[in-house]
């Protein structure tokens, strides 16, 4: 799917579906979703299951080719979502079919360093992980990178340190994120392609990062300005359109739910009733729309 913002083109490249999205937003029960008249079957199935996708965005802006978020990747370790482990997704074939060559990419922006946003940073060549975009600089928010680097250098979470029903989940997440750093981030650092930046970094005029912490400590979104038009690419500050109506519905993977809720409220307040296009990183087609005030809440008005 292609989205036009002034003279800038954003192309979504699908990798795979999100698995168990409803389980990660526990407040989004079917009866609560049914109250949102605008939330149709493009986003929720007949059983009340939330629909979502994993996708990358290719931004053609000012003569530069920028990839925002790089999905889960192939051949990756993943004990927290076994269905995503050691997969062959066909993503690179779709990337090429969309008209893009990995060697032509100028920059890769990772909104954060979770498993489904950094996977195609690298590909497996024999027994070595190599940069997928060899001529690119990979931009990581310094705060985000340093957080996960420290995590990767510590022992995986011991279930006895957590207690209760969270024991297996905490251990799986910890192990997965260590693997994520080792497979998808460390090789980029070792290759000299990593660029650690502030959370409000400007890549080029009209393309900047926006601090949106909460889901992770150094989470950023991406703002695009072109030809008098503007777009906001959400990363995981939002996982599903239902959070537009209910920003207090935190995701189970939000490291700081209070902060993530605050971020969503801030974004909604700033974008409501404006022409700024909201692009949801995990939203299925149509991924883009505008934010409108809806009584004492908000709704997502899709572009298509």
C-alpha atoms as a PDB file:
ATOM      1  CA  UNK A   1       0.000   0.000   0.000  1.00  0.00           C
ATOM      2  CA  UNK A   2       1.332   3.454  -0.949  1.00  0.00           C
ATOM      3  CA  UNK A   3       0.564   6.621   1.020  1.00  0.00           C
ATOM      4  CA  UNK A   4       1.275  10.085  -0.365  1.00  0.00           C
ATOM      5  CA  UNK A   5       2.289  12.997   1.891  1.00  0.00           C
ATOM      6  CA  UNK A   6       3.078  15.978  -0.318  1.00  0.00           C
ATOM      7  CA  UNK A   7       5.949  14.829  -2.528  1.00  0.00           C
ATOM      8  CA  UNK A   8       6.872  12.025  -0.102  1.00  0.00           C
ATOM      9  CA  UNK A   9       5.746   8.451  -0.699  1.00  0.00           C
ATOM     10  CA  UNK A  10       5.385   5.886   2.089  1.00  0.00           C
ATOM     11  CA  UNK A  11       5.052   2.248   1.039  1.00  0.00           C
ATOM     12  CA  UNK A  12       4.068  -0.473   3.484  1.00  0.00           C
ATOM     13  CA  UNK A  13       5.725  -3.860   2.921  1.00  0.00           C
ATOM     14  CA  UNK A  14       3.879  -6.683   4.664  1.00  0.00           C
ATOM     15  CA  UNK A  15       5.766  -9.408   6.506  1.00  0.00           C
ATOM     16  CA  UNK A  16       3.180 -11.414   8.485  1.00  0.00           C
ATOM     17  CA  UNK A  17       0.161 -11.167  10.775  1.00  0.00           C
ATOM     18  CA  UNK A  18       0.389 -10.265  14.450  1.00  0.00           C
ATOM     19  CA  UNK A  19      -0.360 -13.308  16.596  1.00  0.00           C
ATOM     20  CA  UNK A  20      -2.581 -13.016  19.681  1.00  0.00           C
ATOM     21  CA  UNK A  21      -2.980  -9.241  19.622  1.00  0.00           C
ATOM     22  CA  UNK A  22      -6.136  -9.453  21.748  1.00  0.00           C
ATOM     23  CA  UNK A  23      -4.177 -11.207  24.484  1.00  0.00           C
ATOM     24  CA  UNK A  24      -1.788  -8.268  24.717  1.00  0.00           C
ATOM     25  CA  UNK A  25      -4.562  -5.653  25.141  1.00  0.00           C
ATOM     26  CA  UNK A  26      -6.677  -7.350  27.826  1.00  0.00           C
ATOM     27  CA  UNK A  27      -9.085  -4.417  28.225  1.00  0.00           C
ATOM     28  CA  UNK A  28     -10.187  -4.797  24.602  1.00  0.00           C
ATOM     29  CA  UNK A  29     -12.902  -7.332  25.348  1.00  0.00           C
ATOM     30  CA  UNK A  30     -15.463  -8.029  22.579  1.00  0.00           C
ATOM     31  CA  UNK A  31     -18.288  -6.248  24.417  1.00  0.00           C
ATOM     32  CA  UNK A  32     -16.162  -3.136  24.891  1.00  0.00           C
ATOM     33  CA  UNK A  33     -15.088  -3.188  21.243  1.00  0.00           C
ATOM     34  CA  UNK A  34     -18.710  -3.506  20.128  1.00  0.00           C
ATOM     35  CA  UNK A  35     -19.384  -0.051  21.582  1.00  0.00           C
ATOM     36  CA  UNK A  36     -17.024   1.502  19.009  1.00  0.00           C
ATOM     37  CA  UNK A  37     -19.312   1.847  15.986  1.00  0.00           C
ATOM     38  CA  UNK A  38     -16.479   2.993  13.706  1.00  0.00           C
ATOM     39  CA  UNK A  39     -14.297  -0.051  14.469  1.00  0.00           C
ATOM     40  CA  UNK A  40     -15.280  -2.336  11.579  1.00  0.00           C
ATOM     41  CA  UNK A  41     -14.270  -5.767  10.284  1.00  0.00           C
ATOM     42  CA  UNK A  42     -11.048  -4.437   8.805  1.00  0.00           C
ATOM     43  CA  UNK A  43      -9.722  -4.206  12.350  1.00  0.00           C
ATOM     44  CA  UNK A  44     -11.752  -6.736  14.392  1.00  0.00           C
ATOM     45  CA  UNK A  45     -13.004 -10.117  13.209  1.00  0.00           C
ATOM     46  CA  UNK A  46     -16.445 -11.631  13.844  1.00  0.00           C
ATOM     47  CA  UNK A  47     -15.299 -13.216  17.113  1.00  0.00           C
ATOM     48  CA  UNK A  48     -13.958  -9.938  18.523  1.00  0.00           C
ATOM     49  CA  UNK A  49     -10.317 -10.807  17.825  1.00  0.00           C
ATOM     50  CA  UNK A  50      -8.104  -7.786  17.152  1.00  0.00           C
ATOM     51  CA  UNK A  51      -6.447  -7.845  13.727  1.00  0.00           C
ATOM     52  CA  UNK A  52      -2.933  -6.574  13.135  1.00  0.00           C
ATOM     53  CA  UNK A  53       0.069  -7.006  10.877  1.00  0.00           C
ATOM     54  CA  UNK A  54       3.836  -6.781  11.015  1.00  0.00           C
ATOM     55  CA  UNK A  55       5.086  -4.472   8.274  1.00  0.00           C
ATOM     56  CA  UNK A  56       7.938  -2.190   7.331  1.00  0.00           C
ATOM     57  CA  UNK A  57       7.553   1.266   5.839  1.00  0.00           C
ATOM     58  CA  UNK A  58       9.735   2.545   3.011  1.00  0.00           C
ATOM     59  CA  UNK A  59       9.845   6.338   2.953  1.00  0.00           C
ATOM     60  CA  UNK A  60      10.923   8.091  -0.242  1.00  0.00           C
ATOM     61  CA  UNK A  61      11.668  11.609   0.931  1.00  0.00           C
ATOM     62  CA  UNK A  62      13.890  14.359  -0.409  1.00  0.00           C
ATOM     63  CA  UNK A  63      15.891  12.009  -2.608  1.00  0.00           C
ATOM     64  CA  UNK A  64      16.523   9.627   0.306  1.00  0.00           C
ATOM     65  CA  UNK A  65      15.274   6.085   0.808  1.00  0.00           C
ATOM     66  CA  UNK A  66      14.490   5.354   4.453  1.00  0.00           C
ATOM     67  CA  UNK A  67      13.133   2.126   5.965  1.00  0.00           C
ATOM     68  CA  UNK A  68      11.193   2.500   9.214  1.00  0.00           C
ATOM     69  CA  UNK A  69      11.158  -0.695  11.311  1.00  0.00           C
ATOM     70  CA  UNK A  70      12.283  -4.026   9.894  1.00  0.00           C
ATOM     71  CA  UNK A  71       9.772  -6.603  11.185  1.00  0.00           C
ATOM     72  CA  UNK A  72      10.586  -9.997  12.746  1.00  0.00           C
ATOM     73  CA  UNK A  73      13.059 -11.322  10.196  1.00  0.00           C
ATOM     74  CA  UNK A  74      13.921 -14.808   9.038  1.00  0.00           C
ATOM     75  CA  UNK A  75      15.777 -17.501  11.014  1.00  0.00           C
ATOM     76  CA  UNK A  76      15.561 -15.572  14.292  1.00  0.00           C
ATOM     77  CA  UNK A  77      15.462 -17.057  17.782  1.00  0.00           C
ATOM     78  CA  UNK A  78      12.148 -16.310  19.464  1.00  0.00           C
ATOM     79  CA  UNK A  79      10.924 -18.200  22.512  1.00  0.00           C
ATOM     80  CA  UNK A  80       8.255 -15.662  23.460  1.00  0.00           C
ATOM     81  CA  UNK A  81       6.382 -16.073  20.135  1.00  0.00           C
ATOM     82  CA  UNK A  82       7.363 -19.534  18.851  1.00  0.00           C
ATOM     83  CA  UNK A  83       5.380 -19.003  15.637  1.00  0.00           C
ATOM     84  CA  UNK A  84       7.847 -16.247  14.718  1.00  0.00           C
ATOM     85  CA  UNK A  85      10.958 -18.351  15.324  1.00  0.00           C
ATOM     86  CA  UNK A  86      13.140 -19.566  12.438  1.00  0.00           C
ATOM     87  CA  UNK A  87      10.594 -18.439   9.862  1.00  0.00           C
ATOM     88  CA  UNK A  88      10.926 -17.875   6.153  1.00  0.00           C
ATOM     89  CA  UNK A  89       8.502 -15.022   5.548  1.00  0.00           C
ATOM     90  CA  UNK A  90       9.146 -13.985   1.941  1.00  0.00           C
ATOM     91  CA  UNK A  91       9.612 -10.401   3.110  1.00  0.00           C
ATOM     92  CA  UNK A  92      12.692  -9.627   1.023  1.00  0.00           C
ATOM     93  CA  UNK A  93      10.962 -10.919  -2.098  1.00  0.00           C
ATOM     94  CA  UNK A  94       8.031  -8.562  -1.415  1.00  0.00           C
ATOM     95  CA  UNK A  95      10.476  -5.720  -0.721  1.00  0.00           C
ATOM     96  CA  UNK A  96      12.095  -6.269  -4.118  1.00  0.00           C
ATOM     97  CA  UNK A  97       8.728  -6.687  -5.843  1.00  0.00           C
ATOM     98  CA  UNK A  98       7.674  -3.313  -4.420  1.00  0.00           C
ATOM     99  CA  UNK A  99      10.549  -1.803  -6.396  1.00  0.00           C
ATOM    100  CA  UNK A 100      13.187  -1.401  -3.702  1.00  0.00           C
ATOM    101  CA  UNK A 101      16.740  -2.710  -3.513  1.00  0.00           C
ATOM    102  CA  UNK A 102      18.274  -3.178  -0.042  1.00  0.00           C
ATOM    103  CA  UNK A 103      21.564  -1.781  -1.351  1.00  0.00           C
ATOM    104  CA  UNK A 104      19.848   1.524  -2.225  1.00  0.00           C
ATOM    105  CA  UNK A 105      18.526   2.228   1.276  1.00  0.00           C
ATOM    106  CA  UNK A 106      20.149   5.307   2.828  1.00  0.00           C
ATOM    107  CA  UNK A 107      18.872   4.940   6.396  1.00  0.00           C
ATOM    108  CA  UNK A 108      17.027   2.500   8.634  1.00  0.00           C
ATOM    109  CA  UNK A 109      15.060   3.860  11.586  1.00  0.00           C
ATOM    110  CA  UNK A 110      14.054   1.493  14.385  1.00  0.00           C
ATOM    111  CA  UNK A 111      11.302   3.081  16.476  1.00  0.00           C
ATOM    112  CA  UNK A 112      12.399   0.718  19.260  1.00  0.00           C
ATOM    113  CA  UNK A 113      14.305  -2.527  19.630  1.00  0.00           C
ATOM    114  CA  UNK A 114      11.583  -5.108  20.194  1.00  0.00           C
ATOM    115  CA  UNK A 115      11.690  -8.368  18.228  1.00  0.00           C
ATOM    116  CA  UNK A 116       9.204  -7.335  15.537  1.00  0.00           C
ATOM    117  CA  UNK A 117      10.836  -4.018  14.661  1.00  0.00           C
ATOM    118  CA  UNK A 118      14.490  -4.934  14.101  1.00  0.00           C
ATOM    119  CA  UNK A 119      14.505  -8.423  12.567  1.00  0.00           C
ATOM    120  CA  UNK A 120      15.457  -7.524   9.011  1.00  0.00           C
ATOM    121  CA  UNK A 121      18.284  -5.318  10.223  1.00  0.00           C
ATOM    122  CA  UNK A 122      20.279  -8.472   9.495  1.00  0.00           C
ATOM    123  CA  UNK A 123      20.087 -11.701   7.515  1.00  0.00           C
ATOM    124  CA  UNK A 124      21.760 -15.030   8.123  1.00  0.00           C
ATOM    125  CA  UNK A 125      24.634 -15.768   5.744  1.00  0.00           C
ATOM    126  CA  UNK A 126      25.945 -19.209   6.640  1.00  0.00           C
ATOM    127  CA  UNK A 127      26.517 -18.896  10.362  1.00  0.00           C
ATOM    128  CA  UNK A 128      26.939 -15.093  10.441  1.00  0.00           C
ATOM    129  CA  UNK A 129      24.423 -12.276  10.755  1.00  0.00           C
ATOM    130  CA  UNK A 130      25.101  -9.567   8.173  1.00  0.00           C
ATOM    131  CA  UNK A 131      23.432  -6.167   7.558  1.00  0.00           C
ATOM    132  CA  UNK A 132      20.499  -6.472   5.169  1.00  0.00           C
ATOM    133  CA  UNK A 133      20.943  -2.849   4.086  1.00  0.00           C
ATOM    134  CA  UNK A 134      24.726  -2.651   3.682  1.00  0.00           C
ATOM    135  CA  UNK A 135      24.967   0.962   2.524  1.00  0.00           C
ATOM    136  CA  UNK A 136      22.622   2.341   5.170  1.00  0.00           C
ATOM    137  CA  UNK A 137      23.115   3.978   8.528  1.00  0.00           C
ATOM    138  CA  UNK A 138      20.913   2.380  11.186  1.00  0.00           C
ATOM    139  CA  UNK A 139      19.460   4.965  13.569  1.00  0.00           C
ATOM    140  CA  UNK A 140      18.767   3.891  17.135  1.00  0.00           C
ATOM    141  CA  UNK A 141      17.667   6.288  19.867  1.00  0.00           C
ATOM    142  CA  UNK A 142      20.619   6.290  22.251  1.00  0.00           C
ATOM    143  CA  UNK A 143      18.416   5.788  25.311  1.00  0.00           C
ATOM    144  CA  UNK A 144      16.728   2.790  23.664  1.00  0.00           C
ATOM    145  CA  UNK A 145      19.950   1.211  22.482  1.00  0.00           C
ATOM    146  CA  UNK A 146      21.722   1.573  25.802  1.00  0.00           C
ATOM    147  CA  UNK A 147      18.775   0.045  27.652  1.00  0.00           C
ATOM    148  CA  UNK A 148      18.774  -3.118  25.535  1.00  0.00           C
ATOM    149  CA  UNK A 149      22.548  -3.353  25.377  1.00  0.00           C
ATOM    150  CA  UNK A 150      22.581  -3.458  29.177  1.00  0.00           C
ATOM    151  CA  UNK A 151      19.829  -6.070  29.134  1.00  0.00           C
ATOM    152  CA  UNK A 152      21.789  -8.219  26.681  1.00  0.00           C
ATOM    153  CA  UNK A 153      24.837  -8.170  28.921  1.00  0.00           C
ATOM    154  CA  UNK A 154      22.938  -9.367  31.985  1.00  0.00           C
ATOM    155  CA  UNK A 155      21.687 -12.851  32.734  1.00  0.00           C
ATOM    156  CA  UNK A 156      18.177 -13.694  31.503  1.00  0.00           C
ATOM    157  CA  UNK A 157      15.472 -13.095  34.075  1.00  0.00           C
ATOM    158  CA  UNK A 158      15.277 -15.874  36.649  1.00  0.00           C
ATOM    159  CA  UNK A 159      11.640 -16.905  37.134  1.00  0.00           C
ATOM    160  CA  UNK A 160      12.169 -16.960  40.902  1.00  0.00           C
ATOM    161  CA  UNK A 161      12.828 -13.215  40.754  1.00  0.00           C
ATOM    162  CA  UNK A 162       9.347 -12.558  39.389  1.00  0.00           C
ATOM    163  CA  UNK A 163       6.928 -14.978  40.982  1.00  0.00           C
ATOM    164  CA  UNK A 164       3.382 -15.974  40.178  1.00  0.00           C
ATOM    165  CA  UNK A 165       1.957 -16.509  36.719  1.00  0.00           C
ATOM    166  CA  UNK A 166       4.439 -14.108  35.137  1.00  0.00           C
ATOM    167  CA  UNK A 167       7.390 -16.454  35.642  1.00  0.00           C
ATOM    168  CA  UNK A 168       7.489 -18.155  32.236  1.00  0.00           C
ATOM    169  CA  UNK A 169       6.490 -14.979  30.343  1.00  0.00           C
ATOM    170  CA  UNK A 170       9.210 -12.866  31.970  1.00  0.00           C
ATOM    171  CA  UNK A 171      11.876 -15.461  31.292  1.00  0.00           C
ATOM    172  CA  UNK A 172      10.841 -15.941  27.653  1.00  0.00           C
ATOM    173  CA  UNK A 173      10.768 -12.203  26.999  1.00  0.00           C
ATOM    174  CA  UNK A 174      14.169 -11.770  28.598  1.00  0.00           C
ATOM    175  CA  UNK A 175      15.736 -14.589  26.581  1.00  0.00           C
ATOM    176  CA  UNK A 176      14.148 -13.369  23.367  1.00  0.00           C
ATOM    177  CA  UNK A 177      15.356  -9.807  23.796  1.00  0.00           C
ATOM    178  CA  UNK A 178      18.909 -10.993  24.481  1.00  0.00           C
ATOM    179  CA  UNK A 179      18.741 -12.921  21.206  1.00  0.00           C
ATOM    180  CA  UNK A 180      17.253  -9.889  19.456  1.00  0.00           C
ATOM    181  CA  UNK A 181      20.193  -7.724  20.438  1.00  0.00           C
ATOM    182  CA  UNK A 182      22.760 -10.378  19.535  1.00  0.00           C
ATOM    183  CA  UNK A 183      21.212 -11.220  16.165  1.00  0.00           C
ATOM    184  CA  UNK A 184      19.756  -7.922  14.968  1.00  0.00           C
ATOM    185  CA  UNK A 185      21.585  -5.066  16.715  1.00  0.00           C
ATOM    186  CA  UNK A 186      25.110  -6.113  17.713  1.00  0.00           C
ATOM    187  CA  UNK A 187      26.076  -7.045  14.126  1.00  0.00           C
ATOM    188  CA  UNK A 188      25.056  -3.544  13.020  1.00  0.00           C
ATOM    189  CA  UNK A 189      27.210  -1.992  15.735  1.00  0.00           C
ATOM    190  CA  UNK A 190      30.107  -4.290  14.841  1.00  0.00           C
ATOM    191  CA  UNK A 191      29.823  -3.300  11.169  1.00  0.00           C
ATOM    192  CA  UNK A 192      30.106   0.384  12.079  1.00  0.00           C
ATOM    193  CA  UNK A 193      26.653   1.149  10.665  1.00  0.00           C
ATOM    194  CA  UNK A 194      24.874   2.124  13.907  1.00  0.00           C
ATOM    195  CA  UNK A 195      24.150   5.777  14.584  1.00  0.00           C
ATOM    196  CA  UNK A 196      22.997   6.547  18.131  1.00  0.00           C
ATOM    197  CA  UNK A 197      20.847   9.678  18.150  1.00  0.00           C
ATOM    198  CA  UNK A 198      18.719  11.805  20.440  1.00  0.00           C
ATOM    199  CA  UNK A 199      15.019  10.981  20.606  1.00  0.00           C
ATOM    200  CA  UNK A 200      14.132  14.191  18.709  1.00  0.00           C
ATOM    201  CA  UNK A 201      16.755  13.713  15.994  1.00  0.00           C
ATOM    202  CA  UNK A 202      16.171  15.280  12.550  1.00  0.00           C
ATOM    203  CA  UNK A 203      17.252  12.909   9.783  1.00  0.00           C
ATOM    204  CA  UNK A 204      16.797  15.443   6.997  1.00  0.00           C
ATOM    205  CA  UNK A 205      14.486  18.454   6.757  1.00  0.00           C
ATOM    206  CA  UNK A 206      10.922  17.164   6.942  1.00  0.00           C
ATOM    207  CA  UNK A 207      11.812  13.849   8.548  1.00  0.00           C
ATOM    208  CA  UNK A 208      12.296  13.742  12.309  1.00  0.00           C
ATOM    209  CA  UNK A 209      11.947  11.506  15.327  1.00  0.00           C
ATOM    210  CA  UNK A 210       9.330  12.243  17.991  1.00  0.00           C
ATOM    211  CA  UNK A 211       9.894  11.034  21.587  1.00  0.00           C
ATOM    212  CA  UNK A 212       7.043   8.653  22.518  1.00  0.00           C
ATOM    213  CA  UNK A 213       8.291   6.724  25.561  1.00  0.00           C
ATOM    214  CA  UNK A 214       6.338   4.194  27.588  1.00  0.00           C
ATOM    215  CA  UNK A 215       6.176   1.100  25.437  1.00  0.00           C
ATOM    216  CA  UNK A 216       9.949   1.087  25.835  1.00  0.00           C
ATOM    217  CA  UNK A 217      12.185   3.696  27.498  1.00  0.00           C
ATOM    218  CA  UNK A 218      13.529   5.173  24.265  1.00  0.00           C
ATOM    219  CA  UNK A 219      10.593   4.594  21.924  1.00  0.00           C
ATOM    220  CA  UNK A 220      10.234   7.124  19.104  1.00  0.00           C
ATOM    221  CA  UNK A 221       7.703   7.808  16.375  1.00  0.00           C
ATOM    222  CA  UNK A 222       8.497   9.388  13.008  1.00  0.00           C
ATOM    223  CA  UNK A 223       7.047  12.664  11.752  1.00  0.00           C
ATOM    224  CA  UNK A 224       6.995  13.401   8.026  1.00  0.00           C
ATOM    225  CA  UNK A 225       6.414  16.900   6.638  1.00  0.00           C
ATOM    226  CA  UNK A 226       6.237  17.451   2.888  1.00  0.00           C
ATOM    227  CA  UNK A 227       4.524  19.935   0.596  1.00  0.00           C
ATOM    228  CA  UNK A 228       2.494  21.453   3.418  1.00  0.00           C
ATOM    229  CA  UNK A 229       1.224  18.027   4.514  1.00  0.00           C
ATOM    230  CA  UNK A 230       2.169  16.016   7.585  1.00  0.00           C
ATOM    231  CA  UNK A 231       2.093  12.408   8.769  1.00  0.00           C
ATOM    232  CA  UNK A 232       2.813  10.646  12.050  1.00  0.00           C
ATOM    233  CA  UNK A 233       4.167   7.087  11.883  1.00  0.00           C
ATOM    234  CA  UNK A 234       3.301   5.566  15.239  1.00  0.00           C
ATOM    235  CA  UNK A 235       5.683   2.704  15.944  1.00  0.00           C
ATOM    236  CA  UNK A 236       4.281   0.866  18.968  1.00  0.00           C
ATOM    237  CA  UNK A 237       2.981   3.944  20.747  1.00  0.00           C
ATOM    238  CA  UNK A 238      -0.306   2.496  19.433  1.00  0.00           C
ATOM    239  CA  UNK A 239      -0.808  -1.173  18.555  1.00  0.00           C
ATOM    240  CA  UNK A 240      -4.429  -1.101  17.374  1.00  0.00           C
ATOM    241  CA  UNK A 241      -7.070   1.506  16.428  1.00  0.00           C
ATOM    242  CA  UNK A 242      -9.102   0.660  19.560  1.00  0.00           C
ATOM    243  CA  UNK A 243      -6.437   2.486  21.581  1.00  0.00           C
ATOM    244  CA  UNK A 244      -7.407   5.686  19.799  1.00  0.00           C
ATOM    245  CA  UNK A 245     -10.779   5.528  21.524  1.00  0.00           C
ATOM    246  CA  UNK A 246      -9.230   4.136  24.696  1.00  0.00           C
ATOM    247  CA  UNK A 247      -5.660   5.386  25.165  1.00  0.00           C
ATOM    248  CA  UNK A 248      -5.773   3.936  28.682  1.00  0.00           C
ATOM    249  CA  UNK A 249      -5.874   0.421  27.212  1.00  0.00           C
ATOM    250  CA  UNK A 250      -2.202  -0.373  27.656  1.00  0.00           C
ATOM    251  CA  UNK A 251      -0.471  -3.228  25.901  1.00  0.00           C
ATOM    252  CA  UNK A 252       0.957  -6.023  28.041  1.00  0.00           C
ATOM    253  CA  UNK A 253       4.357  -5.349  26.457  1.00  0.00           C
ATOM    254  CA  UNK A 254       4.367  -1.677  27.557  1.00  0.00           C
ATOM    255  CA  UNK A 255       7.252  -1.405  30.001  1.00  0.00           C
ATOM    256  CA  UNK A 256       5.663   1.623  31.659  1.00  0.00           C
ATOM    257  CA  UNK A 257       1.862   1.535  31.125  1.00  0.00           C
ATOM    258  CA  UNK A 258       1.315   4.916  32.775  1.00  0.00           C
ATOM    259  CA  UNK A 259       3.879   6.524  30.488  1.00  0.00           C
ATOM    260  CA  UNK A 260       2.542   4.785  27.372  1.00  0.00           C
ATOM    261  CA  UNK A 261      -0.974   5.962  28.219  1.00  0.00           C
ATOM    262  CA  UNK A 262       0.352   9.489  28.679  1.00  0.00           C
ATOM    263  CA  UNK A 263       2.079   9.299  25.311  1.00  0.00           C
ATOM    264  CA  UNK A 264      -1.101   8.165  23.568  1.00  0.00           C
ATOM    265  CA  UNK A 265      -3.113  10.956  25.183  1.00  0.00           C
ATOM    266  CA  UNK A 266      -0.483  13.508  24.105  1.00  0.00           C
ATOM    267  CA  UNK A 267      -0.460  12.272  20.512  1.00  0.00           C
ATOM    268  CA  UNK A 268      -4.264  12.227  20.274  1.00  0.00           C
ATOM    269  CA  UNK A 269      -4.561  15.725  21.734  1.00  0.00           C
ATOM    270  CA  UNK A 270      -2.033  17.084  19.238  1.00  0.00           C
ATOM    271  CA  UNK A 271      -3.425  15.347  16.142  1.00  0.00           C
ATOM    272  CA  UNK A 272      -7.177  15.515  16.787  1.00  0.00           C
ATOM    273  CA  UNK A 273      -9.183  17.332  14.111  1.00  0.00           C
ATOM    274  CA  UNK A 274      -6.070  18.147  12.133  1.00  0.00           C
ATOM    275  CA  UNK A 275      -5.116  17.072   8.621  1.00  0.00           C
ATOM    276  CA  UNK A 276      -2.096  15.143   9.934  1.00  0.00           C
ATOM    277  CA  UNK A 277      -2.184  11.600   8.640  1.00  0.00           C
ATOM    278  CA  UNK A 278      -1.824   8.940  11.333  1.00  0.00           C
ATOM    279  CA  UNK A 279      -0.054   5.777  10.124  1.00  0.00           C
ATOM    280  CA  UNK A 280      -0.414   2.832  12.500  1.00  0.00           C
ATOM    281  CA  UNK A 281       2.615   0.570  12.423  1.00  0.00           C
ATOM    282  CA  UNK A 282       0.621  -2.580  13.210  1.00  0.00           C
ATOM    283  CA  UNK A 283      -2.672  -1.465  11.647  1.00  0.00           C
ATOM    284  CA  UNK A 284      -3.961  -3.630   8.788  1.00  0.00           C
ATOM    285  CA  UNK A 285      -5.048  -1.926   5.578  1.00  0.00           C
ATOM    286  CA  UNK A 286      -5.986   0.825   5.458  1.00  0.00           C
ATOM    287  CA  UNK A 287      -3.078   1.739   7.704  1.00  0.00           C
ATOM    288  CA  UNK A 288      -3.586   5.498   7.412  1.00  0.00           C
ATOM    289  CA  UNK A 289      -6.254   7.932   8.551  1.00  0.00           C
ATOM    290  CA  UNK A 290      -6.921  10.986  10.647  1.00  0.00           C
ATOM    291  CA  UNK A 291      -7.803  11.410  14.310  1.00  0.00           C
ATOM    292  CA  UNK A 292     -11.174  12.994  15.054  1.00  0.00           C
ATOM    293  CA  UNK A 293     -12.750  14.004  18.349  1.00  0.00           C
ATOM    294  CA  UNK A 294     -15.686  11.750  19.152  1.00  0.00           C
ATOM    295  CA  UNK A 295     -17.742  13.037  22.116  1.00  0.00           C
ATOM    296  CA  UNK A 296     -15.320  12.810  25.039  1.00  0.00           C
ATOM    297  CA  UNK A 297     -12.961  10.477  23.176  1.00  0.00           C
ATOM    298  CA  UNK A 298     -11.451  10.011  19.705  1.00  0.00           C
ATOM    299  CA  UNK A 299     -11.959   7.882  16.601  1.00  0.00           C
ATOM    300  CA  UNK A 300      -9.889   6.813  13.607  1.00  0.00           C
ATOM    301  CA  UNK A 301     -11.228   8.055  10.251  1.00  0.00           C
ATOM    302  CA  UNK A 302      -9.566   5.925   7.615  1.00  0.00           C
ATOM    303  CA  UNK A 303      -8.259   7.426   4.413  1.00  0.00           C
ATOM    304  CA  UNK A 304      -9.598   4.553   2.298  1.00  0.00           C
END
